[in-house]
Protein backbone atom coordinates (compact mmCIF):
# COMPACT_ATOMS: atom_id res chain seq x y z
CA MET A 1 -0.73 -52.98 -32.49
CA SER A 2 -2.39 -51.15 -35.35
CA PRO A 3 -3.36 -47.49 -35.06
CA LYS A 4 -6.97 -48.57 -34.93
CA ASP A 5 -6.34 -50.44 -31.69
CA ASN A 6 -4.94 -47.37 -30.04
CA GLN A 7 -8.21 -45.48 -29.77
CA MET A 8 -8.55 -46.15 -26.01
CA GLY A 9 -5.09 -45.15 -24.90
CA GLY A 10 -3.43 -48.36 -26.02
CA ILE A 11 -5.73 -50.75 -24.11
CA THR A 12 -8.00 -53.09 -26.05
CA PRO A 13 -10.65 -54.80 -23.93
CA LYS A 14 -10.57 -58.53 -24.38
CA PRO A 15 -13.97 -60.06 -25.38
CA LEU A 16 -15.23 -63.12 -23.59
CA LYS A 17 -14.20 -66.31 -25.35
CA GLU A 18 -15.84 -69.65 -25.10
CA THR A 19 -13.61 -72.38 -23.82
CA SER A 20 -13.66 -75.95 -24.97
CA SER A 21 -14.24 -77.28 -21.48
CA ALA A 22 -17.32 -79.33 -20.66
CA LYS A 23 -18.42 -77.01 -17.87
CA ALA A 24 -21.95 -75.64 -17.89
CA LYS A 25 -22.39 -72.24 -19.35
CA ILE A 26 -24.46 -69.51 -17.77
CA ASP A 27 -25.81 -66.73 -19.87
CA PHE A 28 -25.03 -63.30 -18.44
CA PRO A 29 -26.63 -60.15 -19.72
CA PRO A 30 -24.50 -58.68 -22.40
CA ASP A 31 -22.09 -55.95 -21.45
CA PRO A 32 -23.00 -52.78 -23.30
CA MET A 33 -19.34 -51.96 -23.58
CA GLU A 34 -18.54 -55.33 -25.07
CA CYS A 35 -21.43 -55.14 -27.43
CA ASP A 36 -20.32 -51.79 -28.74
CA LEU A 37 -16.75 -52.97 -29.14
CA GLU A 38 -17.68 -56.23 -30.87
CA SER A 39 -20.00 -54.47 -33.25
CA SER A 40 -17.33 -51.93 -34.15
CA PRO A 41 -15.38 -52.92 -37.24
CA SER A 42 -12.30 -51.17 -35.89
CA THR A 43 -11.95 -53.67 -33.05
CA LEU A 44 -11.97 -56.83 -35.10
CA LYS A 45 -8.79 -58.85 -34.54
CA ASP A 46 -7.32 -61.68 -36.49
CA LYS A 47 -6.31 -65.02 -35.02
CA GLU A 48 -2.61 -64.14 -34.78
CA GLU A 49 -3.30 -61.07 -32.67
CA GLU A 50 -5.61 -63.01 -30.34
CA ASP A 51 -2.91 -65.65 -29.85
CA LEU A 52 -0.44 -62.92 -28.89
CA GLU A 53 -2.91 -61.49 -26.39
CA ARG A 54 -3.39 -64.88 -24.76
CA LEU A 55 0.39 -65.31 -24.45
CA VAL A 56 0.86 -61.85 -22.93
CA PHE A 57 -2.26 -61.40 -20.80
CA GLY A 58 -3.29 -65.02 -20.28
CA SER A 59 -6.62 -66.70 -20.95
CA GLU A 60 -9.34 -68.57 -19.12
CA ALA A 61 -7.77 -71.89 -20.10
CA LEU A 62 -4.43 -70.90 -18.55
CA PHE A 63 -6.15 -70.00 -15.26
CA GLY A 64 -8.12 -73.23 -15.10
CA GLY A 65 -11.14 -71.96 -16.94
CA THR A 66 -12.22 -69.61 -14.21
CA SER A 67 -15.41 -67.93 -15.25
CA LYS A 68 -17.82 -65.53 -13.71
CA ARG A 69 -19.91 -68.43 -12.45
CA GLU A 70 -17.00 -69.82 -10.49
CA LEU A 71 -16.31 -66.38 -9.05
CA CYS A 72 -19.87 -66.24 -7.83
CA LEU A 73 -19.68 -69.72 -6.30
CA LYS A 74 -16.49 -68.70 -4.41
CA GLY A 75 -18.27 -65.72 -2.90
CA GLU A 76 -16.51 -63.09 -5.00
CA LYS A 77 -18.61 -60.31 -6.38
CA PRO A 78 -18.70 -60.18 -10.16
CA VAL A 79 -18.27 -56.94 -11.99
CA GLU A 80 -21.53 -55.04 -12.18
CA ASN A 81 -22.36 -53.92 -15.70
CA ASP A 82 -24.32 -50.82 -14.81
CA GLU A 83 -24.26 -47.47 -16.49
CA ASP A 84 -21.80 -45.99 -13.95
CA ASP A 85 -19.15 -48.52 -14.91
CA VAL A 86 -19.67 -47.77 -18.55
CA ASP A 87 -19.25 -44.09 -17.96
CA GLN A 88 -16.07 -44.78 -15.91
CA VAL A 89 -14.56 -46.90 -18.70
CA GLU A 90 -15.49 -44.39 -21.35
CA GLY A 91 -13.71 -41.68 -19.30
CA LEU A 92 -10.39 -43.52 -19.64
CA GLU A 93 -10.12 -42.41 -23.23
CA LEU A 94 -9.02 -38.94 -22.10
CA LEU A 95 -6.12 -40.23 -19.89
CA ASP A 96 -2.48 -40.72 -20.91
CA ASP A 97 -0.75 -44.06 -20.79
CA ALA A 98 1.34 -43.05 -17.77
CA GLN A 99 -1.82 -42.16 -15.81
CA LEU A 100 -3.30 -45.61 -16.29
CA PHE A 101 -0.56 -47.34 -14.24
CA PHE A 102 0.97 -46.92 -10.77
CA LEU A 103 4.12 -48.27 -9.19
CA ASP A 104 3.30 -50.86 -6.56
CA SER A 105 6.02 -50.43 -3.89
CA GLY A 106 4.46 -52.74 -1.37
CA PRO A 107 2.05 -52.11 1.47
CA ALA A 108 2.17 -48.75 3.21
CA LEU A 109 4.18 -48.61 6.40
CA ASP A 110 2.34 -48.33 9.66
CA PRO A 111 3.24 -45.04 11.36
CA LYS A 112 3.71 -46.96 14.58
CA LEU A 113 6.39 -49.12 12.99
CA LYS A 114 8.35 -46.22 11.56
CA PRO A 115 11.97 -46.37 12.82
CA SER A 116 12.87 -43.50 15.08
CA CYS A 117 16.23 -41.87 15.62
CA THR A 118 15.86 -42.18 19.37
CA ALA A 119 16.17 -45.95 19.15
CA ASP A 120 19.52 -45.60 17.40
CA ALA A 121 20.63 -42.99 19.86
CA GLU A 122 19.94 -45.29 22.77
CA ASN A 123 22.07 -47.98 21.13
CA ASN A 124 25.68 -47.10 21.91
CA ASN A 125 26.99 -49.33 19.14
CA ALA A 126 25.01 -47.63 16.37
CA PRO A 127 27.16 -45.16 14.38
CA PRO A 128 25.97 -41.54 14.61
CA TRP A 129 26.50 -41.02 10.88
CA GLU A 130 26.94 -43.25 7.85
CA ASP A 131 28.38 -42.36 4.46
CA SER A 132 26.60 -43.92 1.52
CA GLU A 133 29.78 -43.83 -0.56
CA ASP A 134 31.53 -46.26 1.78
CA GLU A 135 29.72 -49.16 0.11
CA ARG A 136 30.62 -47.99 -3.39
CA MET A 137 34.28 -47.16 -2.67
CA VAL A 138 36.76 -49.95 -3.46
CA ILE A 139 40.22 -50.19 -1.86
CA SER A 140 43.03 -52.41 -3.07
CA LEU A 141 44.83 -54.35 -0.35
CA ALA A 142 47.39 -55.99 -2.63
CA GLN A 143 48.60 -52.80 -4.26
CA HIS A 144 49.96 -51.23 -1.06
CA SER A 145 52.52 -53.18 0.95
CA ARG A 146 51.28 -51.76 4.26
CA LEU A 147 47.77 -53.09 3.64
CA ARG A 148 48.66 -56.63 2.63
CA LYS A 149 48.53 -57.77 6.23
CA LEU A 150 44.79 -57.05 6.20
CA ARG A 151 44.12 -59.77 3.62
CA PHE A 152 42.70 -63.15 4.55
CA SER A 153 44.38 -64.87 1.59
CA GLU A 154 47.00 -64.03 -1.01
CA GLU A 155 44.46 -64.01 -3.84
CA GLU A 156 42.31 -61.34 -2.15
CA ASP A 157 42.72 -57.87 -3.57
CA THR A 158 39.88 -55.34 -3.31
CA VAL A 159 37.42 -54.69 -0.50
CA THR A 160 34.80 -52.07 0.18
CA ALA A 161 35.39 -49.09 2.43
CA MET A 162 33.19 -50.56 5.17
CA GLU A 163 35.12 -53.82 5.14
CA TYR A 164 38.39 -51.87 5.11
CA MET A 165 37.41 -50.02 8.30
CA ILE A 166 36.40 -53.26 10.00
CA ARG A 167 39.74 -54.88 9.20
CA LEU A 168 41.68 -51.83 10.35
CA ARG A 169 39.80 -51.89 13.63
CA ARG A 170 40.51 -55.60 14.04
CA GLN A 171 44.22 -55.06 13.32
CA HIS A 172 44.37 -52.25 15.89
CA GLU A 173 42.83 -54.50 18.54
CA ILE A 174 45.43 -57.16 17.77
CA LEU A 175 48.33 -54.72 18.13
CA ASN A 176 46.82 -52.86 21.10
CA PRO A 177 44.82 -55.32 23.16
CA THR A 178 42.82 -54.15 26.13
CA PRO A 179 45.02 -54.45 29.25
CA PRO A 180 43.78 -56.66 32.09
CA TRP A 181 43.29 -53.76 34.46
CA ALA A 182 41.03 -52.01 31.94
CA GLN A 183 38.94 -55.12 31.40
CA ALA A 184 38.12 -55.20 35.10
CA ALA A 185 37.79 -51.44 35.45
CA PHE A 186 35.43 -50.96 32.49
CA LYS A 187 33.33 -54.02 33.23
CA PRO A 188 29.76 -52.78 33.77
CA ALA A 189 28.69 -53.04 37.36
CA LYS A 190 25.67 -55.09 38.18
CA ARG A 191 22.63 -52.98 38.79
CA PRO A 192 21.11 -53.71 42.19
CA ARG A 193 17.63 -55.12 42.25
CA ARG A 194 15.14 -52.82 43.85
CA HIS A 195 13.05 -54.33 46.58
CA SER A 196 10.30 -52.70 48.52
CA ALA A 197 12.09 -52.06 51.81
CA ALA A 198 15.74 -52.52 50.91
CA SER A 199 15.83 -50.39 47.75
CA ASP A 200 17.56 -47.41 49.34
CA THR A 201 20.22 -49.46 51.09
CA SER A 202 21.08 -51.44 47.96
CA MET A 203 21.64 -48.25 45.96
CA THR A 204 23.94 -46.95 48.64
CA GLN A 205 25.97 -50.13 48.64
CA SER A 206 26.37 -50.05 44.88
CA ASP A 207 27.70 -46.50 45.08
CA ASP A 208 30.22 -47.57 47.68
CA ASP A 209 31.40 -50.49 45.56
CA ASP A 210 32.40 -48.33 42.58
CA PRO A 211 35.64 -46.91 44.07
CA GLU A 212 36.77 -50.38 45.08
CA LEU A 213 36.32 -51.68 41.55
CA SER A 214 38.34 -48.83 40.05
CA SER A 215 41.18 -48.99 42.58
CA GLN A 216 41.67 -52.74 42.74
CA PRO A 217 43.75 -53.02 39.52
CA LEU A 218 45.99 -50.13 40.62
CA ALA A 219 46.59 -51.65 44.06
CA LYS A 220 47.60 -54.96 42.47
CA TYR A 221 49.94 -53.17 40.10
CA LEU A 222 51.63 -51.27 42.92
CA GLN A 223 52.31 -54.53 44.73
CA GLN A 224 53.82 -56.13 41.64
CA ALA A 225 55.83 -53.03 40.77
CA GLY A 226 57.07 -52.76 44.35
CA SER A 227 58.57 -56.25 44.31
CA PHE A 228 60.12 -55.59 40.89
CA ASN A 229 61.77 -52.33 41.96
CA LYS A 230 63.15 -53.72 45.21
CA ALA A 231 64.91 -56.47 43.27
CA SER A 232 66.32 -54.05 40.71
CA THR A 233 67.54 -51.26 43.00
CA THR A 234 70.49 -53.31 44.19
CA THR A 235 72.00 -53.37 40.69
CA VAL A 236 71.60 -49.65 39.97
CA LYS A 237 74.71 -47.56 40.59
CA GLN A 238 74.72 -43.82 40.93
CA THR A 239 76.60 -42.21 38.06
CA LYS A 240 78.76 -39.17 38.55
CA LEU A 241 78.02 -36.77 35.71
CA ARG A 242 80.66 -34.84 33.82
CA PRO A 243 80.47 -31.07 33.34
CA GLU A 244 79.90 -29.33 30.00
CA VAL A 245 79.03 -32.51 28.03
CA LEU A 246 76.07 -34.72 28.97
CA ASP A 247 75.28 -38.19 27.65
CA ILE A 248 71.51 -37.95 27.21
CA GLN A 249 69.30 -39.97 24.87
CA GLN A 250 65.66 -39.40 23.96
CA THR A 251 63.41 -42.33 24.86
CA ARG A 252 59.84 -43.18 23.98
CA PRO A 253 57.45 -40.34 24.87
CA ILE A 254 54.17 -40.73 26.71
CA PRO A 255 51.76 -41.96 24.00
CA LEU A 256 48.79 -39.95 25.25
CA THR A 257 48.42 -36.33 24.12
CA GLN A 258 46.42 -34.38 26.64
CA PRO A 259 43.75 -31.93 25.44
CA SER A 260 45.42 -29.05 27.29
CA ALA A 261 48.82 -27.94 28.50
CA VAL A 262 50.58 -30.26 30.95
CA SER A 263 50.70 -28.10 34.08
CA SER A 264 52.24 -30.63 36.50
CA LEU A 265 54.54 -33.69 36.39
CA SER A 266 55.57 -35.93 39.28
CA PHE A 267 57.44 -39.25 39.47
CA HIS A 268 56.54 -41.89 42.03
CA PRO A 269 59.29 -42.21 44.68
CA GLU A 270 59.44 -46.04 44.46
CA HIS A 271 57.57 -47.33 41.40
CA PRO A 272 58.10 -46.49 37.69
CA ILE A 273 54.98 -44.33 37.50
CA LEU A 274 54.58 -40.83 36.09
CA LEU A 275 51.75 -38.58 37.26
CA SER A 276 50.61 -35.81 34.94
CA SER A 277 47.72 -33.34 34.94
CA GLY A 278 46.56 -30.18 33.24
CA LEU A 279 43.77 -27.73 32.71
CA ALA A 280 41.61 -30.48 31.20
CA SER A 281 40.70 -31.55 34.79
CA THR A 282 42.15 -35.05 34.38
CA LEU A 283 44.88 -36.96 36.22
CA TYR A 284 46.90 -39.55 34.28
CA LEU A 285 49.09 -42.34 35.65
CA HIS A 286 51.52 -43.95 33.18
CA GLU A 287 53.87 -46.86 33.70
CA ILE A 288 57.38 -45.90 32.62
CA ASP A 289 58.38 -48.80 30.39
CA PRO A 290 59.73 -47.73 26.96
CA THR A 291 60.09 -51.39 25.90
CA ALA A 292 56.47 -52.35 26.63
CA HIS A 293 54.64 -53.99 23.75
CA PRO A 294 52.55 -53.02 21.92
CA THR A 295 52.29 -49.59 23.58
CA PRO A 296 55.36 -48.14 25.32
CA ASN A 297 54.76 -46.29 28.58
CA PRO A 298 51.15 -47.54 28.80
CA LEU A 299 48.40 -45.74 30.65
CA ILE A 300 47.53 -47.30 34.01
CA THR A 301 44.46 -45.25 34.89
CA SER A 302 43.04 -41.73 34.83
CA VAL A 303 40.68 -39.71 37.00
CA HIS A 304 38.55 -36.82 35.79
CA VAL A 305 37.48 -34.06 38.20
CA ARG A 306 34.54 -31.98 37.08
CA ASN A 307 34.99 -28.25 36.64
CA THR A 308 38.44 -28.21 38.26
CA PRO A 309 41.31 -27.21 35.96
CA LEU A 310 44.27 -28.77 37.76
CA HIS A 311 47.28 -26.65 38.60
CA THR A 312 49.17 -28.93 41.00
CA SER A 313 49.37 -32.71 41.38
CA GLN A 314 52.05 -34.50 43.39
CA PHE A 315 52.77 -37.83 45.08
CA LEU A 316 52.86 -37.69 48.86
CA TYR A 317 56.38 -38.64 49.90
CA PRO A 318 58.14 -40.74 51.04
CA GLU A 319 56.04 -43.77 50.05
CA GLY A 320 53.82 -42.21 47.39
CA GLU A 321 50.63 -43.98 48.44
CA LYS A 322 48.56 -40.81 48.05
CA ILE A 323 48.20 -38.07 45.46
CA VAL A 324 47.31 -34.49 46.31
CA PHE A 325 45.90 -32.39 43.47
CA SER A 326 44.26 -28.99 43.31
CA GLY A 327 43.17 -26.15 41.06
CA ARG A 328 42.08 -22.58 41.39
CA ARG A 329 39.25 -23.51 43.73
CA ARG A 330 38.40 -23.30 47.43
CA TYR A 331 39.14 -27.00 47.88
CA PHE A 332 41.68 -29.68 47.02
CA HIS A 333 41.59 -33.49 46.78
CA ILE A 334 43.58 -36.38 48.22
CA TRP A 335 43.52 -39.65 46.29
CA ASP A 336 44.43 -42.80 48.21
CA LEU A 337 45.92 -45.21 45.67
CA GLN A 338 45.55 -48.25 47.93
CA THR A 339 41.83 -47.91 48.61
CA GLY A 340 40.75 -45.76 45.67
CA VAL A 341 39.01 -43.26 47.95
CA ILE A 342 39.23 -39.60 46.89
CA GLU A 343 38.80 -37.18 49.77
CA LYS A 344 37.76 -33.58 49.22
CA VAL A 345 39.11 -30.94 51.62
CA THR A 346 36.89 -27.90 51.37
CA ARG A 347 38.29 -25.43 53.89
CA VAL A 348 41.14 -24.54 56.21
CA TYR A 349 39.56 -23.88 59.59
CA GLY A 350 40.39 -20.48 60.97
CA GLN A 351 41.83 -19.23 57.66
CA LYS A 352 38.72 -18.75 55.57
CA ASP A 353 39.46 -15.17 54.53
CA GLU A 354 43.15 -15.77 53.91
CA GLN A 355 42.81 -19.03 51.95
CA LYS A 356 40.40 -18.33 49.09
CA SER A 357 42.24 -20.47 46.54
CA MET A 358 44.28 -23.67 46.88
CA GLU A 359 46.07 -24.10 43.55
CA GLU A 360 49.56 -23.65 45.07
CA ILE A 361 50.37 -26.67 47.27
CA ARG A 362 53.82 -27.92 48.27
CA LEU A 363 54.26 -31.28 50.03
CA SER A 364 57.18 -31.76 52.38
CA PRO A 365 59.72 -34.49 51.42
CA CYS A 366 59.20 -36.13 54.82
CA GLY A 367 55.47 -36.55 54.16
CA ARG A 368 54.36 -34.84 57.37
CA TYR A 369 53.22 -31.43 56.15
CA MET A 370 51.67 -29.61 53.24
CA ALA A 371 51.92 -25.87 52.63
CA LEU A 372 49.37 -23.72 50.81
CA ARG A 373 50.01 -20.25 49.52
CA GLY A 374 47.34 -17.91 50.83
CA THR A 375 45.73 -14.85 49.37
CA SER A 376 48.05 -11.89 48.85
CA LYS A 377 47.35 -8.81 50.89
CA LYS A 378 48.73 -5.33 51.11
CA GLY A 379 50.74 -6.22 54.18
CA GLY A 380 52.46 -9.18 52.51
CA GLY A 381 51.80 -12.84 51.87
CA ILE A 382 50.81 -15.81 54.00
CA ILE A 383 51.48 -19.56 53.84
CA ASN A 384 49.27 -21.98 55.76
CA ILE A 385 50.73 -25.29 56.92
CA LEU A 386 48.53 -28.37 57.35
CA ASP A 387 49.08 -31.84 58.72
CA ALA A 388 49.37 -34.20 55.74
CA LYS A 389 47.46 -37.03 57.46
CA THR A 390 44.62 -35.14 59.10
CA THR A 391 44.59 -32.01 56.87
CA GLN A 392 44.23 -29.92 60.03
CA TRP A 393 45.77 -26.46 60.23
CA ILE A 394 49.05 -26.39 62.21
CA ALA A 395 50.66 -23.02 61.66
CA SER A 396 51.04 -20.12 59.28
CA MET A 397 53.93 -17.89 58.31
CA ARG A 398 53.90 -14.39 56.90
CA ILE A 399 56.41 -12.55 54.80
CA GLU A 400 56.51 -8.82 54.37
CA GLY A 401 56.27 -7.35 50.92
CA ALA A 402 54.05 -5.17 48.86
CA GLN A 403 53.09 -7.90 46.38
CA GLY A 404 53.03 -11.06 48.47
CA VAL A 405 54.71 -14.44 48.01
CA ALA A 406 56.42 -15.26 44.71
CA ASP A 407 57.34 -18.89 45.47
CA PHE A 408 58.36 -21.21 48.31
CA ALA A 409 59.95 -24.64 48.85
CA TRP A 410 60.35 -27.16 51.66
CA TRP A 411 63.69 -28.08 53.18
CA ARG A 412 64.97 -31.56 52.47
CA ASN A 413 64.26 -32.85 55.99
CA GLY A 414 60.86 -31.09 56.16
CA ASP A 415 61.82 -28.99 59.20
CA GLY A 416 61.31 -25.64 57.52
CA LEU A 417 60.49 -23.51 54.49
CA THR A 418 62.33 -21.07 52.27
CA VAL A 419 60.07 -18.32 50.94
CA VAL A 420 60.80 -15.52 48.47
CA SER A 421 58.57 -12.49 48.05
CA LYS A 422 57.94 -10.67 44.82
CA ALA A 423 60.00 -7.80 46.19
CA GLY A 424 63.10 -10.03 46.42
CA GLU A 425 63.19 -10.76 50.16
CA VAL A 426 64.05 -14.36 51.11
CA ALA A 427 63.03 -15.82 54.47
CA GLU A 428 64.19 -19.05 56.13
CA TRP A 429 61.42 -20.29 58.43
CA ALA A 430 61.73 -23.21 60.88
CA MET A 431 58.84 -25.48 61.90
CA GLU A 432 60.19 -26.15 65.38
CA SER A 433 60.44 -22.55 66.50
CA ARG A 434 57.63 -21.24 64.24
CA ALA A 435 59.87 -18.28 63.49
CA TYR A 436 62.45 -16.96 61.02
CA VAL A 437 66.00 -18.22 61.37
CA ALA A 438 67.40 -16.03 58.58
CA ARG A 439 66.32 -13.26 56.22
CA TRP A 440 68.22 -11.95 53.20
CA VAL A 441 67.66 -10.24 49.82
CA ASP A 442 68.13 -11.77 46.39
CA GLU A 443 70.44 -10.02 43.98
CA GLY A 444 68.00 -10.40 41.08
CA HIS A 445 64.99 -8.29 40.18
CA ALA A 446 61.36 -9.39 40.67
CA PRO A 447 61.77 -13.09 41.57
CA THR A 448 59.34 -15.57 40.04
CA VAL A 449 60.37 -19.09 41.13
CA LEU A 450 62.54 -20.75 43.79
CA THR A 451 63.86 -24.26 44.42
CA LEU A 452 66.13 -26.11 46.84
CA GLY A 453 68.31 -29.17 46.31
CA GLY A 454 71.65 -30.87 46.56
CA HIS A 455 73.34 -32.81 49.35
CA GLY A 456 75.81 -31.73 51.99
CA GLY A 457 74.09 -28.56 53.12
CA PRO A 458 73.93 -27.27 56.70
CA LYS A 459 71.60 -29.26 58.97
CA SER A 460 70.29 -26.12 60.58
CA LEU A 461 68.90 -25.09 57.16
CA GLY A 462 67.43 -28.43 56.10
CA GLU A 463 70.57 -30.08 54.61
CA ASP A 464 70.02 -28.51 51.16
CA ARG A 465 73.22 -27.35 49.51
CA TRP A 466 71.78 -25.04 46.87
CA VAL A 467 69.04 -22.43 46.67
CA VAL A 468 68.19 -21.23 43.15
CA ILE A 469 66.05 -18.19 42.32
CA GLY A 470 64.74 -17.13 38.90
CA SER A 471 63.48 -13.66 38.00
CA GLN A 472 61.36 -11.77 35.52
CA SER A 473 64.42 -10.71 33.54
CA GLY A 474 65.46 -14.31 32.89
CA ILE A 475 68.42 -14.23 35.31
CA ILE A 476 69.01 -17.32 37.45
CA ASN A 477 71.05 -16.97 40.67
CA ILE A 478 72.57 -19.95 42.49
CA TYR A 479 73.50 -19.57 46.17
CA ASP A 480 75.65 -21.98 48.18
CA ARG A 481 74.00 -22.44 51.57
CA CYS A 482 77.22 -23.69 53.12
CA THR A 483 78.29 -20.03 53.23
CA PHE A 484 75.20 -19.21 55.33
CA VAL A 485 76.63 -20.89 58.49
CA SER A 486 79.75 -20.39 60.54
CA PRO A 487 82.64 -22.65 59.45
CA LYS A 488 83.58 -23.21 63.10
CA ASN A 489 80.04 -23.99 64.33
CA PRO A 490 77.62 -25.16 61.59
CA THR A 491 74.66 -24.58 63.87
CA ASP A 492 75.29 -20.82 63.88
CA ILE A 493 73.48 -19.21 60.96
CA ILE A 494 75.22 -16.10 59.69
CA VAL A 495 73.55 -14.98 56.50
CA PRO A 496 74.53 -11.54 55.17
CA GLU A 497 71.70 -9.28 54.16
CA TYR A 498 72.88 -9.18 50.53
CA PRO A 499 74.71 -12.45 49.84
CA LYS A 500 76.68 -12.89 46.65
CA PRO A 501 75.47 -15.71 44.35
CA LYS A 502 78.00 -18.34 43.43
CA LYS A 503 76.88 -18.30 39.80
CA SER A 504 74.39 -16.44 37.63
CA PHE A 505 73.02 -17.51 34.26
CA ASP A 506 71.55 -15.26 31.59
CA GLN A 507 70.76 -17.74 28.80
CA LEU A 508 67.03 -16.99 29.00
CA THR A 509 65.52 -13.78 27.67
CA ARG A 510 62.04 -14.34 29.08
CA PRO A 511 60.78 -14.69 32.68
CA VAL A 512 61.87 -17.92 34.35
CA SER A 513 58.84 -20.17 34.94
CA HIS A 514 60.34 -23.51 36.08
CA LEU A 515 63.29 -24.56 38.22
CA CYS A 516 63.98 -28.19 39.07
CA ILE A 517 66.94 -29.95 40.75
CA SER A 518 67.47 -33.69 40.30
CA PRO A 519 67.17 -35.90 43.42
CA ASP A 520 70.91 -36.65 43.42
CA GLY A 521 71.69 -32.91 43.30
CA GLN A 522 73.84 -33.03 40.16
CA LEU A 523 71.53 -31.39 37.59
CA LEU A 524 69.56 -28.15 37.51
CA SER A 525 66.92 -27.46 34.89
CA PHE A 526 65.68 -23.92 34.25
CA SER A 527 63.16 -22.97 31.57
CA SER A 528 60.64 -20.38 30.44
CA ARG A 529 57.20 -21.07 29.06
CA TRP A 530 57.11 -17.72 27.27
CA LYS A 531 59.52 -18.81 24.53
CA LYS A 532 59.73 -21.99 22.47
CA ASP A 533 62.52 -24.48 23.36
CA ALA A 534 63.72 -22.26 26.22
CA LEU A 535 65.34 -24.87 28.51
CA ARG A 536 68.89 -25.45 29.76
CA LEU A 537 70.62 -27.98 31.98
CA VAL A 538 73.32 -27.07 34.52
CA HIS A 539 75.94 -29.27 36.17
CA LEU A 540 75.47 -28.08 39.77
CA PRO A 541 78.79 -29.15 41.37
CA SER A 542 80.70 -27.04 38.83
CA CYS A 543 77.87 -24.58 38.01
CA THR A 544 78.39 -24.94 34.26
CA VAL A 545 75.75 -25.11 31.51
CA TYR A 546 75.82 -28.15 29.23
CA ARG A 547 76.64 -27.01 25.72
CA ASN A 548 75.66 -30.17 23.79
CA TRP A 549 72.00 -30.31 24.87
CA PRO A 550 69.39 -29.27 24.01
CA THR A 551 70.00 -28.93 20.28
CA ASP A 552 67.98 -27.21 17.58
CA ARG A 553 66.17 -30.48 16.84
CA THR A 554 65.18 -31.26 20.42
CA PRO A 555 61.35 -31.40 20.50
CA LEU A 556 60.60 -29.23 23.53
CA GLY A 557 57.98 -26.68 22.48
CA ARG A 558 56.66 -24.19 25.01
CA ILE A 559 57.54 -25.82 28.30
CA THR A 560 54.91 -25.91 31.03
CA SER A 561 56.31 -28.55 33.44
CA VAL A 562 59.59 -30.36 34.17
CA ALA A 563 60.39 -33.30 36.46
CA PHE A 564 63.33 -35.63 37.17
CA GLY A 565 62.92 -39.32 37.91
CA ALA A 566 63.33 -40.67 41.44
CA LYS A 567 66.72 -42.14 40.47
CA SER A 568 67.77 -39.02 38.50
CA ASP A 569 68.03 -41.12 35.34
CA LEU A 570 64.99 -39.68 33.55
CA LEU A 571 63.92 -36.20 32.51
CA ALA A 572 60.28 -35.52 31.62
CA VAL A 573 59.16 -32.31 29.94
CA GLY A 574 55.54 -31.29 29.31
CA ASN A 575 54.52 -28.54 26.92
CA GLU A 576 51.52 -26.46 25.93
CA ALA A 577 50.56 -28.91 23.17
CA GLY A 578 49.74 -31.56 25.79
CA LYS A 579 52.73 -33.79 24.94
CA ILE A 580 55.21 -35.29 27.38
CA HIS A 581 58.69 -36.05 26.06
CA MET A 582 61.24 -38.07 28.00
CA TRP A 583 65.03 -38.40 27.96
CA GLU A 584 67.32 -40.93 29.58
CA ILE A 585 70.33 -39.46 31.40
CA ARG A 586 73.27 -41.87 31.08
CA ALA A 587 76.50 -40.09 32.00
């Protein structure tokens, strides 16, 4: 356009043109604005410029010859040519070009239709956060050999970050499919329909059905595992281990890393199942199968207990159909694996003041009793004994000492207990007589832990051959219980007040925290959680420490729990990092 046409901010009003159509013409009063513009010599345009305007802005002929008359016939109001409109048009001369236009972004959104974040929060599948760069990022699948399996064809090369995450998730589901027991366990339960009169009863029934749904896969697994183990036990032969050198091989660890230290480990007496727990208030059951595909040693199930950091969890022997677990609370739980029912035991009747915490529980190997360490008092310590089936109080034993009970263990046949006080006094207590049958003093200083094990011991002392005591100084003393009875009459118990240990070990420089004897009585494990990789294995028949294991590269960490398999062919070690490593004992 010429500079003359730019007097009104770049907009030149288009004068009315007469079309060549045969339609009737109606004379409208002249527009003052148009009259002024037409009379002005500066607004005169040549034919070429008018043709360009028609091409750019259109004309009446292009729109079917629509005129003001037709607008009036259609009911549309024509533009009023009053003085106010003239003043409004004349005011446009003072505006810039940018102020004469606006960006039409569509109709305004209704506030009622505005998406809310609560709707996304209620949708469990909606991601909590999205990165805008995921759509712009490009990843090559053909360049890296590990990513080529994510392609759909050989010609495919690059994908976006969002597509890359989807394919990775699909590949993970292929390699780690959801096990059948989890499909049934995590299947959403049907919500009961509420009726007028039966609403309360239906809600109660739905609550009762939940434990059955969660325990059914585990009960089926125990039946299948039981038939498998019974067929395989006939081919397993007990291996006699050599002293000094041990043939041990690391196997696949437990794939799950717990969020806290593993405080307790226990193997099932019949099935290949490992029970683990920790301060994260969760019980885990894993199937011991290093060759399982795609996940070795898969998780069977887990149970979370609110606000109860677990200190002890153990299978109830000899069949292992129940699990007893507890923490530093005034109650403990019993989990029936066959029915899925978890029973909470809140108190020991008659021992309310002496049993304020129940984190220390020991189950007898015979499965008849359970012992709980009571609250320490100035006059010594107390241990309460309950019936394992009814959880009713049966008896209690006391040991003298200024600082109470350090540790205790059941005899092999379940007919008694061996208790050591923090002052070093050891007491042999029988269930039948409800009294001490022997009392003696440990040679070490400030005992911390105690364990019993081995075969061929005196029957009057529970048939355990060895009693092992660890102390604060890191010294481990091993006593032969065959020397505690008369050689002429094994029923006569003659324990000297200060017996001499058969062997003492000083490999640890920190307090001993864990002692464990294998079920066949050939291996002893002693460790300390106060120093990294502080664990040793002992050949009990010869009382010698194995010198070839562990090595400097053995991944132990700070040990918090140790357990041997039911057949003495596996060793499981839990540490503070929440990991459980396993080794296979061969010869």
